[in-house]
Amino acid sequence: MSDTTPRRRGQSQRDGDTTPCHRAQSQRGGDSTPCRRAQSHVVGVALLLAITTISMGALTAGVGDVVESNAAAADADRVADALAAMEPSESTGVERHDLAFGEGSLTVESRTVRLLDGDGVVAEHEADALVFEAGERRVTFLAGAVARGAGNASLLDERPPIATGDGLLLVGLPVLNASGTASVAGESVSATLRTETSHERRELGGGEYRLAVETATPGAWERYFAETNASVSRRAFDGDEHASVVAAFPGERTGYLVIHETKLEVET
């Protein structure tokens, strides 16, 4: 018996990690505070590591979102500049404009512009819109104007070629005629906008005129027309996909309409 006692004591000293806790508990009448402190320390370190991991993941995702947003904004800027540079009201014949974006799509969408007087529709044209989209970014060329955004939050970057004066109304109306395919989409896109423009001028005579523009960016057009002292409303015309913003120009005016017929091709 005496030969085995030292081994058992040694064994008890070398037994698992719980021995110090058992001793502390026996010495303090069951008080296991040192064990609890050790366990709390381990739990605290684990929580800190978990929180750090989550924070790093959220930071990485946030940085990725910022990078994507900045890239989309840069693409929208480049496309807006390219669309504004077309200027059908100031060009004649064939012109080419470079277009590039990192990711997105460029499509042609049907839009109608109408000029009305007290008797009804004086002129109606399928003007069409050239629309660029990248994520939540949107740029639209329509009737010579370039708008950013969509809906009521949209803003005009480039004004349409419309002029008003004492007793006069001059409406310049660029009309896109997209031949073949004018749509392009994907990543690292480089294309050329090829336009061929001709002009037709019509004298409309005297009247009280209203201009109706079918658009998915009504906010931009309403603010623009309000700045020209026109009364602004909205109207849905039969057959149109979107409602039109209608600007009523006050008083009797002599009206002129200049159609800038623009054949458009997107070359890639």
Protein backbone atom coordinates (compact mmCIF):
# COMPACT_ATOMS: atom_id res chain seq x y z
CA MET A 1 0.00 0.00 0.00
CA SER A 2 2.78 2.44 0.88
CA ASP A 3 4.40 1.85 -2.53
CA THR A 4 1.35 3.03 -4.47
CA THR A 5 0.55 6.14 -2.46
CA PRO A 6 3.23 8.44 -3.99
CA ARG A 7 2.20 7.40 -7.45
CA ARG A 8 -1.41 8.30 -6.74
CA ARG A 9 -0.36 11.66 -5.33
CA GLY A 10 1.81 12.30 -8.35
CA GLN A 11 -0.99 11.18 -10.56
CA SER A 12 -3.38 13.56 -8.82
CA GLN A 13 -0.89 16.39 -9.38
CA ARG A 14 -0.57 15.55 -13.04
CA ASP A 15 -4.24 14.83 -13.74
CA GLY A 16 -6.29 16.99 -16.09
CA ASP A 17 -6.69 20.74 -16.05
CA THR A 18 -9.44 20.61 -13.42
CA THR A 19 -7.11 19.74 -10.49
CA PRO A 20 -6.26 23.38 -9.56
CA CYS A 21 -9.93 24.20 -9.66
CA HIS A 22 -10.76 21.26 -7.41
CA ARG A 23 -8.09 22.37 -4.94
CA ALA A 24 -9.25 25.95 -4.97
CA GLN A 25 -12.79 24.78 -4.42
CA SER A 26 -11.79 22.53 -1.49
CA GLN A 27 -9.64 25.24 0.11
CA ARG A 28 -12.36 27.91 -0.10
CA GLY A 29 -15.33 25.82 0.84
CA GLY A 30 -16.55 25.45 -2.72
CA ASP A 31 -15.45 28.90 -4.01
CA SER A 32 -14.49 28.41 -7.71
CA THR A 33 -13.74 32.08 -8.48
CA PRO A 34 -10.29 31.47 -10.12
CA CYS A 35 -11.87 28.95 -12.50
CA ARG A 36 -14.66 31.31 -13.34
CA ARG A 37 -12.17 34.10 -14.00
CA ALA A 38 -10.17 31.85 -16.33
CA GLN A 39 -13.30 30.75 -18.13
CA SER A 40 -14.51 34.36 -18.44
CA HIS A 41 -11.16 35.34 -19.91
CA VAL A 42 -11.40 32.60 -22.55
CA VAL A 43 -14.99 33.56 -23.39
CA GLY A 44 -14.01 37.22 -23.62
CA VAL A 45 -11.19 36.49 -26.04
CA ALA A 46 -13.52 34.35 -28.17
CA LEU A 47 -16.15 37.11 -28.28
CA LEU A 48 -13.51 39.69 -29.19
CA LEU A 49 -12.28 37.51 -32.06
CA ALA A 50 -15.85 36.96 -33.27
CA ILE A 51 -16.66 40.67 -33.13
CA THR A 52 -13.42 41.52 -34.94
CA THR A 53 -14.16 38.97 -37.66
CA ILE A 54 -17.68 40.32 -38.16
CA SER A 55 -16.42 43.90 -38.21
CA MET A 56 -13.75 43.09 -40.79
CA GLY A 57 -16.37 41.36 -42.95
CA ALA A 58 -18.71 44.34 -42.73
CA LEU A 59 -15.82 46.73 -43.48
CA THR A 60 -14.79 44.69 -46.52
CA ALA A 61 -18.37 44.60 -47.81
CA GLY A 62 -18.70 48.35 -47.23
CA VAL A 63 -15.51 49.10 -49.12
CA GLY A 64 -16.74 46.90 -51.98
CA ASP A 65 -20.04 48.79 -52.12
CA VAL A 66 -18.23 52.14 -52.19
CA VAL A 67 -15.92 50.98 -55.00
CA GLU A 68 -18.86 49.72 -57.08
CA SER A 69 -20.83 52.92 -56.46
CA ASN A 70 -17.88 55.10 -57.48
CA ALA A 71 -17.33 53.03 -60.63
CA ALA A 72 -21.02 53.33 -61.58
CA ALA A 73 -20.90 57.10 -60.97
CA ALA A 74 -17.81 57.43 -63.18
CA ASP A 75 -19.53 55.42 -65.92
CA ALA A 76 -22.62 57.63 -65.69
CA ASP A 77 -20.45 60.75 -65.99
CA ARG A 78 -18.70 59.47 -69.11
CA VAL A 79 -21.94 58.40 -70.77
CA ALA A 80 -23.67 61.69 -69.93
CA ASP A 81 -20.80 63.61 -71.54
CA ALA A 82 -20.95 61.43 -74.66
CA LEU A 83 -24.73 61.84 -75.03
CA ALA A 84 -24.56 65.59 -74.48
CA ALA A 85 -21.82 65.86 -77.13
CA MET A 86 -24.17 64.55 -79.86
CA GLU A 87 -26.01 67.92 -79.98
CA PRO A 88 -28.26 67.15 -82.98
CA SER A 89 -29.59 70.71 -82.96
CA GLU A 90 -26.09 72.03 -83.69
CA SER A 91 -24.74 69.40 -86.07
CA THR A 92 -25.35 68.44 -89.70
CA GLY A 93 -24.26 65.36 -91.58
CA VAL A 94 -22.26 62.49 -90.09
CA GLU A 95 -20.57 62.70 -86.71
CA ARG A 96 -19.04 60.13 -84.37
CA HIS A 97 -18.75 60.22 -80.60
CA ASP A 98 -16.83 57.73 -78.45
CA LEU A 99 -18.70 55.98 -75.67
CA ALA A 100 -17.19 53.79 -72.93
CA PHE A 101 -18.33 52.31 -69.64
CA GLY A 102 -17.09 49.63 -67.27
CA GLU A 103 -20.41 47.89 -66.76
CA GLY A 104 -24.01 48.62 -67.74
CA SER A 105 -26.39 48.75 -70.69
CA LEU A 106 -27.37 51.25 -73.37
CA THR A 107 -30.79 50.83 -74.99
CA VAL A 108 -33.29 52.74 -77.10
CA GLU A 109 -36.77 53.20 -75.61
CA SER A 110 -39.90 54.46 -77.34
CA ARG A 111 -40.98 58.00 -76.43
CA THR A 112 -43.39 60.45 -78.10
CA VAL A 113 -43.26 64.25 -78.10
CA ARG A 114 -46.35 66.28 -79.06
CA LEU A 115 -46.99 69.97 -79.71
CA LEU A 116 -50.57 71.09 -79.11
CA ASP A 117 -52.61 74.26 -79.45
CA GLY A 118 -56.19 75.12 -78.54
CA ASP A 119 -57.54 72.86 -81.29
CA GLY A 120 -55.51 69.76 -80.43
CA VAL A 121 -52.30 68.12 -81.62
CA VAL A 122 -50.28 70.24 -84.06
CA ALA A 123 -47.33 67.86 -84.38
CA GLU A 124 -46.52 64.40 -83.03
CA HIS A 125 -43.15 62.65 -83.34
CA GLU A 126 -41.58 59.42 -82.11
CA ALA A 127 -38.51 61.03 -80.56
CA ASP A 128 -37.25 57.94 -78.71
CA ALA A 129 -34.83 57.96 -75.78
CA LEU A 130 -31.30 56.62 -75.46
CA VAL A 131 -31.04 55.16 -71.95
CA PHE A 132 -27.94 54.08 -70.02
CA GLU A 133 -28.28 52.07 -66.81
CA ALA A 134 -25.61 50.85 -64.38
CA GLY A 135 -26.95 49.61 -61.07
CA GLU A 136 -29.05 52.43 -59.64
CA ARG A 137 -27.47 54.98 -62.00
CA ARG A 138 -29.50 56.08 -65.02
CA VAL A 139 -28.76 58.59 -67.79
CA THR A 140 -31.29 59.44 -70.52
CA PHE A 141 -31.01 61.36 -73.77
CA LEU A 142 -34.45 62.52 -74.93
CA ALA A 143 -35.47 65.36 -77.25
CA GLY A 144 -32.04 66.96 -76.94
CA ALA A 145 -32.00 66.90 -73.14
CA VAL A 146 -29.81 64.72 -70.91
CA ALA A 147 -31.35 63.67 -67.59
CA ARG A 148 -29.86 61.79 -64.66
CA GLY A 149 -31.87 59.54 -62.40
CA ALA A 150 -35.47 58.41 -62.75
CA GLY A 151 -38.92 59.49 -61.67
CA ASN A 152 -39.44 62.62 -59.60
CA ALA A 153 -35.85 62.65 -58.32
CA SER A 154 -34.34 63.08 -61.80
CA LEU A 155 -32.38 66.18 -62.84
CA LEU A 156 -31.41 67.68 -66.20
CA ASP A 157 -27.71 67.82 -67.05
CA GLU A 158 -28.34 69.24 -70.54
CA ARG A 159 -31.30 71.40 -71.50
CA PRO A 160 -33.37 70.78 -74.64
CA PRO A 161 -33.11 73.24 -77.58
CA ILE A 162 -36.28 75.17 -76.72
CA ALA A 163 -36.45 78.96 -76.65
CA THR A 164 -39.17 81.40 -75.62
CA GLY A 165 -39.39 85.15 -76.04
CA ASP A 166 -41.93 87.94 -76.34
CA GLY A 167 -44.70 86.36 -78.33
CA LEU A 168 -42.41 83.61 -79.69
CA LEU A 169 -41.91 79.89 -79.12
CA LEU A 170 -39.14 77.96 -80.85
CA VAL A 171 -39.12 74.20 -80.26
CA GLY A 172 -36.07 72.31 -81.48
CA LEU A 173 -36.87 68.60 -81.42
CA PRO A 174 -34.09 66.03 -81.97
CA VAL A 175 -35.72 62.81 -83.19
CA LEU A 176 -33.71 59.61 -82.95
CA ASN A 177 -34.07 57.05 -85.71
CA ALA A 178 -32.13 54.00 -84.54
CA SER A 179 -31.21 51.78 -87.49
CA GLY A 180 -30.35 48.14 -86.82
CA THR A 181 -29.45 47.50 -83.21
CA ALA A 182 -28.63 50.43 -80.99
CA SER A 183 -28.40 48.38 -77.80
CA VAL A 184 -25.14 47.37 -76.16
CA ALA A 185 -24.47 45.89 -72.72
CA GLY A 186 -21.79 44.13 -70.71
CA GLU A 187 -18.45 44.92 -69.09
CA SER A 188 -15.60 47.09 -70.40
CA VAL A 189 -17.73 48.33 -73.28
CA SER A 190 -16.23 50.63 -75.92
CA ALA A 191 -18.52 51.88 -78.66
CA THR A 192 -19.02 54.73 -81.10
CA LEU A 193 -22.23 56.70 -81.52
CA ARG A 194 -22.58 57.42 -85.23
CA THR A 195 -25.15 60.10 -86.06
CA GLU A 196 -26.34 61.54 -89.35
CA THR A 197 -28.51 64.62 -88.85
CA SER A 198 -30.73 66.70 -91.10
CA HIS A 199 -33.10 69.54 -90.24
CA GLU A 200 -36.64 70.56 -91.14
CA ARG A 201 -38.16 73.86 -90.07
CA ARG A 202 -41.91 74.53 -89.81
CA GLU A 203 -43.69 77.79 -89.06
CA LEU A 204 -46.79 77.05 -87.00
CA GLY A 205 -48.39 80.50 -86.87
CA GLY A 206 -50.04 82.08 -83.86
CA GLY A 207 -51.65 80.17 -81.02
CA GLU A 208 -51.52 79.15 -77.38
CA TYR A 209 -49.11 76.25 -77.36
CA ARG A 210 -48.45 73.28 -75.12
CA LEU A 211 -45.55 70.86 -75.37
CA ALA A 212 -46.04 67.29 -74.10
CA VAL A 213 -43.00 65.07 -73.51
CA GLU A 214 -43.50 61.40 -72.70
CA THR A 215 -40.81 60.54 -70.18
CA ALA A 216 -39.67 58.29 -67.33
CA THR A 217 -37.92 61.31 -65.78
CA PRO A 218 -40.86 63.67 -65.12
CA GLY A 219 -39.20 65.48 -62.23
CA ALA A 220 -36.38 66.77 -64.42
CA TRP A 221 -38.73 68.04 -67.15
CA GLU A 222 -41.18 69.62 -64.71
CA ARG A 223 -38.44 71.63 -63.03
CA TYR A 224 -37.06 72.73 -66.40
CA PHE A 225 -40.45 73.87 -67.73
CA ALA A 226 -41.22 75.68 -64.47
CA GLU A 227 -38.04 77.71 -64.98
CA THR A 228 -39.39 78.85 -68.38
CA ASN A 229 -42.55 80.21 -66.66
CA ALA A 230 -44.73 77.53 -68.24
CA SER A 231 -47.63 75.95 -66.39
CA VAL A 232 -46.83 72.29 -65.82
CA SER A 233 -49.11 69.26 -65.61
CA ARG A 234 -49.07 65.55 -66.45
CA ARG A 235 -51.20 63.68 -68.94
CA ALA A 236 -51.43 60.06 -70.08
CA PHE A 237 -51.88 59.71 -73.85
CA ASP A 238 -53.36 56.59 -75.38
CA GLY A 239 -50.70 54.15 -76.55
CA ASP A 240 -47.86 55.66 -74.51
CA GLU A 241 -45.93 53.63 -71.95
CA HIS A 242 -45.30 56.62 -69.70
CA ALA A 243 -47.24 59.75 -68.82
CA SER A 244 -46.22 63.02 -70.49
CA VAL A 245 -45.11 66.21 -68.80
CA VAL A 246 -47.17 69.00 -70.41
CA ALA A 247 -45.89 72.57 -70.46
CA ALA A 248 -48.43 75.29 -71.31
CA PHE A 249 -46.70 78.46 -72.46
CA PRO A 250 -48.68 81.56 -71.48
CA GLY A 251 -50.25 83.91 -73.99
CA GLU A 252 -50.59 83.99 -77.75
CA ARG A 253 -47.34 83.13 -79.50
CA THR A 254 -45.95 82.57 -82.96
CA GLY A 255 -44.65 79.04 -82.96
CA TYR A 256 -41.76 77.45 -84.85
CA LEU A 257 -40.85 73.78 -84.85
CA VAL A 258 -37.46 72.53 -86.03
CA ILE A 259 -37.13 68.76 -86.39
CA HIS A 260 -33.55 67.50 -86.07
CA GLU A 261 -33.87 64.08 -87.71
CA THR A 262 -30.98 61.97 -86.41
CA LYS A 263 -30.13 58.52 -87.72
CA LEU A 264 -28.31 56.68 -84.95
CA GLU A 265 -26.03 53.66 -85.04
CA VAL A 266 -24.05 52.22 -82.14
CA GLU A 267 -20.81 50.75 -83.49
CA THR A 268 -18.86 48.33 -81.33
